Structure formats: structure tokens, C-alpha cells
Amino acid sequence: MPTQQEVLDTFDSLGGTFNQPMALAKALEAAGFDVSEVATAINAALAAGALVQVASGSIRKP
């Protein structure tokens, strides 16, 4: 499973301030992580406050 730091590093590699969760998930999957682990890792980053989801559905760093 990707660590929180790997999730954040991948988020940063996508560029921009806001990203769609699916884009982040696809980038992590392309890095070799399992689909179910990717979803869990993104949700954990959201729950920890390392990423936040805005009303439009995009995610960003706090």
C-alpha cells in the first residue's frame, strides 16, 4: 500500500493546486500499487487531513 508520503509525492507530481481523485489514483496505479490499496491510501490521507476534498470533488493540500 502506498504510504501517505507516496500519496503526497504523487499528488505533487501531477502539478497544479487541485487534482481529481481519479487522476491521483491512476498515477498511483501506474506506479505499481494495487487498485484497492490506492483507494485506501487516498482515503487515509484525506482522513488524516494531509489532503482535503472540496465541494467540486477535487482534492488539494490543506
C-alpha atoms as a PDB file:
ATOM      1  CA  MET A   1       0.000   0.000   0.000  1.00  0.00           C
ATOM      2  CA  PRO A   2       1.326   3.475  -0.766  1.00  0.00           C
ATOM      3  CA  THR A   3       2.441   5.453   2.252  1.00  0.00           C
ATOM      4  CA  GLN A   4       0.971   8.861   2.961  1.00  0.00           C
ATOM      5  CA  GLN A   5       4.222  10.406   1.721  1.00  0.00           C
ATOM      6  CA  GLU A   6       3.992   8.451  -1.551  1.00  0.00           C
ATOM      7  CA  VAL A   7       0.413   9.679  -1.988  1.00  0.00           C
ATOM      8  CA  LEU A   8       1.519  13.280  -1.386  1.00  0.00           C
ATOM      9  CA  ASP A   9       4.561  12.964  -3.653  1.00  0.00           C
ATOM     10  CA  THR A  10       2.376  11.572  -6.428  1.00  0.00           C
ATOM     11  CA  PHE A  11      -0.142  14.370  -5.869  1.00  0.00           C
ATOM     12  CA  ASP A  12       2.689  16.902  -6.258  1.00  0.00           C
ATOM     13  CA  SER A  13       3.952  15.191  -9.414  1.00  0.00           C
ATOM     14  CA  LEU A  14       0.590  15.820 -11.089  1.00  0.00           C
ATOM     15  CA  GLY A  15       1.145  19.573 -10.809  1.00  0.00           C
ATOM     16  CA  GLY A  16      -1.416  22.208 -10.012  1.00  0.00           C
ATOM     17  CA  THR A  17      -3.106  23.043  -6.745  1.00  0.00           C
ATOM     18  CA  PHE A  18      -6.198  20.879  -7.257  1.00  0.00           C
ATOM     19  CA  ASN A  19      -6.405  17.372  -8.716  1.00  0.00           C
ATOM     20  CA  GLN A  20      -9.197  14.916  -9.320  1.00  0.00           C
ATOM     21  CA  PRO A  21      -9.072  11.848  -7.052  1.00  0.00           C
ATOM     22  CA  MET A  22      -9.245   9.569 -10.103  1.00  0.00           C
ATOM     23  CA  ALA A  23      -6.137  11.205 -11.604  1.00  0.00           C
ATOM     24  CA  LEU A  24      -4.256  10.625  -8.359  1.00  0.00           C
ATOM     25  CA  ALA A  25      -5.489   7.037  -8.182  1.00  0.00           C
ATOM     26  CA  LYS A  26      -4.454   6.331 -11.784  1.00  0.00           C
ATOM     27  CA  ALA A  27      -0.992   7.810 -11.166  1.00  0.00           C
ATOM     28  CA  LEU A  28      -0.513   5.606  -8.098  1.00  0.00           C
ATOM     29  CA  GLU A  29      -1.745   2.556 -10.017  1.00  0.00           C
ATOM     30  CA  ALA A  30       0.720   3.384 -12.806  1.00  0.00           C
ATOM     31  CA  ALA A  31       3.453   3.388 -10.149  1.00  0.00           C
ATOM     32  CA  GLY A  32       2.583  -0.250  -9.456  1.00  0.00           C
ATOM     33  CA  PHE A  33       0.233  -0.066  -6.489  1.00  0.00           C
ATOM     34  CA  ASP A  34      -2.875  -2.270  -6.270  1.00  0.00           C
ATOM     35  CA  VAL A  35      -6.207  -0.574  -7.005  1.00  0.00           C
ATOM     36  CA  SER A  36      -7.761  -1.429  -3.623  1.00  0.00           C
ATOM     37  CA  GLU A  37      -4.659  -0.260  -1.757  1.00  0.00           C
ATOM     38  CA  VAL A  38      -4.658   3.029  -3.676  1.00  0.00           C
ATOM     39  CA  ALA A  39      -8.224   3.832  -2.612  1.00  0.00           C
ATOM     40  CA  THR A  40      -7.399   3.003   0.999  1.00  0.00           C
ATOM     41  CA  ALA A  41      -4.261   5.157   0.952  1.00  0.00           C
ATOM     42  CA  ILE A  42      -6.050   8.170  -0.574  1.00  0.00           C
ATOM     43  CA  ASN A  43      -8.872   7.847   1.954  1.00  0.00           C
ATOM     44  CA  ALA A  44      -6.319   7.623   4.779  1.00  0.00           C
ATOM     45  CA  ALA A  45      -4.606  10.806   3.549  1.00  0.00           C
ATOM     46  CA  LEU A  46      -7.991  12.545   3.471  1.00  0.00           C
ATOM     47  CA  ALA A  47      -8.892  11.271   6.955  1.00  0.00           C
ATOM     48  CA  ALA A  48      -5.527  12.439   8.326  1.00  0.00           C
ATOM     49  CA  GLY A  49      -6.022  15.897   6.837  1.00  0.00           C
ATOM     50  CA  ALA A  50      -2.980  15.585   4.555  1.00  0.00           C
ATOM     51  CA  LEU A  51      -5.364  16.165   1.640  1.00  0.00           C
ATOM     52  CA  VAL A  52      -8.798  17.761   1.654  1.00  0.00           C
ATOM     53  CA  GLN A  53     -11.700  17.324  -0.728  1.00  0.00           C
ATOM     54  CA  VAL A  54     -13.510  20.461  -1.873  1.00  0.00           C
ATOM     55  CA  ALA A  55     -17.150  20.820  -2.916  1.00  0.00           C
ATOM     56  CA  SER A  56     -16.304  20.318  -6.594  1.00  0.00           C
ATOM     57  CA  GLY A  57     -14.888  16.877  -5.769  1.00  0.00           C
ATOM     58  CA  SER A  58     -11.286  17.883  -6.400  1.00  0.00           C
ATOM     59  CA  ILE A  59      -8.647  17.297  -3.778  1.00  0.00           C
ATOM     60  CA  ARG A  60      -5.935  19.677  -2.620  1.00  0.00           C
ATOM     61  CA  LYS A  61      -3.378  20.061   0.113  1.00  0.00           C
ATOM     62  CA  PRO A  62      -4.655  21.992   3.137  1.00  0.00           C
END
